[in-house]
Amino acid sequence: MPVRRVNKPVRDTKSALLDAAVRLVARGDGISSMRAIAREAGVTEGAIYKHFSSKDALLEAATEQVVARMLDEKRPLLDRDGTVHDAIRAWVEITLASYDAEPDAFTYGLLARPKRVDGPIAPTEVFRSQGALFARLFERGVANGECRPLDPDLAVALFSGAMLSVPRAIHEGRLAGPAADYAEPVFDAAWRLLAAD
């Protein structure tokens, strides 16, 4: 009887490296070296250079991956029927559920600022796109009379501050999770900042 071979799934080294970088930054361990990333990913240090030219390139790719995933979840809110009020409520619910589902990725992408050799990673186009997407939603609310006429960048800053404070407090151990339990008070606070009188 012939020996049956079992094909083991091929591990995606690039994804393992991105996930390792996310975990290290989210835990606050920082990334002192490529060796630390390799150790966390369970690969050799040489494997990193097959996918990334430098630690900075790896960190930028990890940031972009995390934020792009969050953006994909929110993009449909602009196209859905209904009020901007309901779309912003859904945005809050999606965001807090995202933190609960992937706290390390959320912390990495939105709360922590991964450091390059020469300073923090500059926001990429994908990162800026989430703010731009919310600004478009807000501008629609201004146009239909639901939202007060604020500068869209100010609206994004106010909304982000209200919404990200709960995941940050949970991450720092000042609030108990899950974050989704706070969706209603977070939405109420954010809406009071944005709503037309």
Protein backbone atom coordinates (compact mmCIF):
# COMPACT_ATOMS: atom_id res chain seq x y z
CA MET A 1 0.00 0.00 0.00
CA PRO A 2 1.52 3.37 -1.01
CA VAL A 3 2.33 5.96 1.64
CA ARG A 4 -0.15 8.76 1.54
CA ARG A 5 1.37 12.23 1.71
CA VAL A 6 -0.43 14.90 3.59
CA ASN A 7 0.09 18.32 2.10
CA LYS A 8 0.66 20.84 4.83
CA PRO A 9 -0.73 24.29 4.15
CA VAL A 10 1.98 26.69 3.04
CA ARG A 11 2.35 29.41 5.60
CA ASP A 12 2.12 32.90 4.17
CA THR A 13 5.35 34.39 5.45
CA LYS A 14 4.53 37.92 4.36
CA SER A 15 1.24 37.88 6.31
CA ALA A 16 2.98 36.34 9.32
CA LEU A 17 5.52 39.17 9.29
CA LEU A 18 2.85 41.86 8.99
CA ASP A 19 0.84 40.28 11.82
CA ALA A 20 3.98 40.03 13.99
CA ALA A 21 4.75 43.73 13.50
CA VAL A 22 1.16 44.60 14.42
CA ARG A 23 1.31 42.52 17.61
CA LEU A 24 4.64 43.97 18.72
CA VAL A 25 3.55 47.58 18.24
CA ALA A 26 0.08 47.01 19.74
CA ARG A 27 1.56 45.43 22.86
CA GLY A 28 3.83 48.43 23.25
CA ASP A 29 6.94 46.28 22.87
CA GLY A 30 8.14 48.32 19.94
CA ILE A 31 10.23 46.88 17.19
CA SER A 32 13.86 47.10 18.10
CA SER A 33 15.15 44.98 15.24
CA MET A 34 14.29 42.80 12.30
CA ARG A 35 15.30 39.87 14.51
CA ALA A 36 12.47 40.73 16.95
CA ILE A 37 9.95 40.70 14.10
CA ALA A 38 11.29 37.41 12.76
CA ARG A 39 11.19 35.82 16.21
CA GLU A 40 7.58 36.98 16.75
CA ALA A 41 6.59 35.66 13.30
CA GLY A 42 8.41 32.36 13.78
CA VAL A 43 10.58 32.80 10.68
CA THR A 44 14.23 33.45 9.98
CA GLU A 45 15.51 36.99 9.76
CA GLY A 46 16.50 36.35 6.15
CA ALA A 47 12.86 35.62 5.27
CA ILE A 48 11.96 39.23 6.01
CA TYR A 49 14.20 40.53 3.23
CA LYS A 50 12.47 38.32 0.67
CA HIS A 51 9.35 40.44 1.19
CA PHE A 52 10.49 43.81 2.55
CA SER A 53 13.52 45.96 1.83
CA SER A 54 13.65 47.39 5.36
CA LYS A 55 11.93 47.53 8.73
CA ASP A 56 10.32 50.80 7.67
CA ALA A 57 8.89 49.19 4.51
CA LEU A 58 7.43 46.38 6.63
CA LEU A 59 5.87 48.84 9.12
CA GLU A 60 4.38 50.95 6.34
CA ALA A 61 2.89 47.84 4.68
CA ALA A 62 1.41 46.70 8.00
CA THR A 63 -0.16 50.11 8.63
CA GLU A 64 -1.61 50.27 5.15
CA GLN A 65 -3.06 46.73 5.42
CA VAL A 66 -4.80 47.42 8.74
CA VAL A 67 -6.28 50.76 7.71
CA ALA A 68 -7.35 49.48 4.27
CA ARG A 69 -9.35 46.69 5.91
CA MET A 70 -11.13 49.21 8.13
CA LEU A 71 -11.81 51.46 5.15
CA ASP A 72 -13.38 48.58 3.20
CA GLU A 73 -15.85 48.02 6.05
CA LYS A 74 -16.96 51.66 6.05
CA ARG A 75 -17.03 52.54 2.35
CA PRO A 76 -20.54 51.06 1.84
CA LEU A 77 -21.96 53.53 4.38
CA LEU A 78 -21.67 56.32 1.82
CA ASP A 79 -23.81 54.46 -0.70
CA ARG A 80 -26.56 53.26 1.58
CA ASP A 81 -29.98 54.87 1.72
CA GLY A 82 -31.13 56.54 4.89
CA THR A 83 -30.00 59.39 7.05
CA VAL A 84 -26.47 60.52 7.78
CA HIS A 85 -27.43 60.12 11.44
CA ASP A 86 -27.95 56.38 10.88
CA ALA A 87 -24.78 56.07 8.77
CA ILE A 88 -22.67 57.71 11.50
CA ARG A 89 -24.26 55.42 14.11
CA ALA A 90 -23.28 52.44 11.91
CA TRP A 91 -19.75 53.88 11.54
CA VAL A 92 -19.38 53.94 15.33
CA GLU A 93 -20.76 50.39 15.67
CA ILE A 94 -18.44 49.06 12.93
CA THR A 95 -15.43 50.81 14.45
CA LEU A 96 -15.99 49.52 17.98
CA ALA A 97 -16.79 46.01 16.74
CA SER A 98 -13.56 46.16 14.73
CA TYR A 99 -11.63 46.91 17.91
CA ASP A 100 -13.29 43.97 19.68
CA ALA A 101 -12.58 41.60 16.79
CA GLU A 102 -8.95 42.62 16.25
CA PRO A 103 -7.68 44.75 19.12
CA ASP A 104 -4.02 44.44 18.10
CA ALA A 105 -4.68 45.47 14.49
CA PHE A 106 -6.97 48.32 15.58
CA THR A 107 -4.45 49.57 18.13
CA TYR A 108 -1.67 49.36 15.56
CA GLY A 109 -3.63 51.13 12.83
CA LEU A 110 -5.43 53.84 14.79
CA LEU A 111 -4.08 54.23 18.32
CA ALA A 112 -0.34 53.54 18.14
CA ARG A 113 1.98 55.42 15.86
CA PRO A 114 4.56 52.89 14.66
CA LYS A 115 7.99 54.48 14.47
CA ARG A 116 10.30 54.48 11.50
CA VAL A 117 14.01 54.91 11.97
CA ASP A 118 13.58 58.66 11.38
CA GLY A 119 10.28 59.17 13.25
CA PRO A 120 6.59 58.20 13.09
CA ILE A 121 5.22 56.72 9.89
CA ALA A 122 3.55 59.44 7.87
CA PRO A 123 -0.11 58.79 7.14
CA THR A 124 -0.43 57.02 3.80
CA GLU A 125 -3.12 57.71 1.25
CA VAL A 126 -5.08 54.74 2.61
CA PHE A 127 -4.86 56.19 6.13
CA ARG A 128 -6.01 59.63 4.95
CA SER A 129 -8.79 57.98 2.94
CA GLN A 130 -10.71 57.00 6.07
CA GLY A 131 -10.84 60.64 7.20
CA ALA A 132 -11.76 61.74 3.69
CA LEU A 133 -14.54 59.16 3.58
CA PHE A 134 -15.99 60.41 6.84
CA ALA A 135 -15.67 64.02 5.63
CA ARG A 136 -17.77 63.14 2.56
CA LEU A 137 -20.41 61.57 4.77
CA PHE A 138 -20.39 64.62 7.03
CA GLU A 139 -20.65 67.03 4.07
CA ARG A 140 -23.72 65.12 2.91
CA GLY A 141 -25.17 65.68 6.39
CA VAL A 142 -24.45 69.41 6.15
CA ALA A 143 -26.06 69.58 2.69
CA ASN A 144 -29.26 67.88 3.88
CA GLY A 145 -29.43 69.89 7.12
CA GLU A 146 -28.61 67.06 9.54
CA CYS A 147 -25.14 68.35 10.49
CA ARG A 148 -23.94 71.79 11.53
CA PRO A 149 -21.75 73.64 9.01
CA LEU A 150 -18.25 72.92 10.31
CA ASP A 151 -14.99 72.64 8.46
CA PRO A 152 -14.90 68.95 7.39
CA ASP A 153 -11.40 68.50 8.86
CA LEU A 154 -12.65 69.81 12.20
CA ALA A 155 -15.64 67.46 12.00
CA VAL A 156 -13.28 64.51 11.37
CA ALA A 157 -11.10 65.55 14.33
CA LEU A 158 -14.07 65.93 16.68
CA PHE A 159 -15.62 62.64 15.59
CA SER A 160 -12.34 60.73 15.77
CA GLY A 161 -11.59 62.06 19.24
CA ALA A 162 -15.00 61.02 20.54
CA MET A 163 -14.90 57.61 18.91
CA LEU A 164 -11.30 56.54 19.55
CA SER A 165 -11.26 57.46 23.24
CA VAL A 166 -13.12 54.28 24.24
CA PRO A 167 -10.82 51.79 22.45
CA ARG A 168 -7.83 53.73 23.81
CA ALA A 169 -9.19 53.54 27.38
CA ILE A 170 -9.88 49.81 27.02
CA HIS A 171 -6.41 49.22 25.59
CA GLU A 172 -4.86 51.13 28.51
CA GLY A 173 -6.95 49.17 31.04
CA ARG A 174 -8.99 52.17 32.19
CA LEU A 175 -12.31 50.80 30.86
CA ALA A 176 -13.59 47.24 30.67
CA GLY A 177 -14.46 45.85 27.24
CA PRO A 178 -16.03 44.99 24.98
CA ALA A 179 -15.93 48.29 23.11
CA ALA A 180 -19.25 47.53 21.39
CA ASP A 181 -20.96 47.99 24.77
CA TYR A 182 -20.13 51.69 24.51
CA ALA A 183 -21.52 52.24 20.99
CA GLU A 184 -24.61 54.14 22.12
CA PRO A 185 -22.90 56.66 24.44
CA VAL A 186 -20.06 57.16 21.94
CA PHE A 187 -22.53 57.80 19.14
CA ASP A 188 -24.57 60.17 21.34
CA ALA A 189 -21.45 62.20 22.22
CA ALA A 190 -20.24 62.30 18.61
CA TRP A 191 -23.65 63.22 17.27
CA ARG A 192 -23.99 66.11 19.75
CA LEU A 193 -20.72 67.49 18.31
CA LEU A 194 -21.87 67.21 14.69
CA ALA A 195 -25.64 67.60 14.62
CA ALA A 196 -27.40 70.72 13.43
CA ASP A 197 -29.14 72.61 16.24
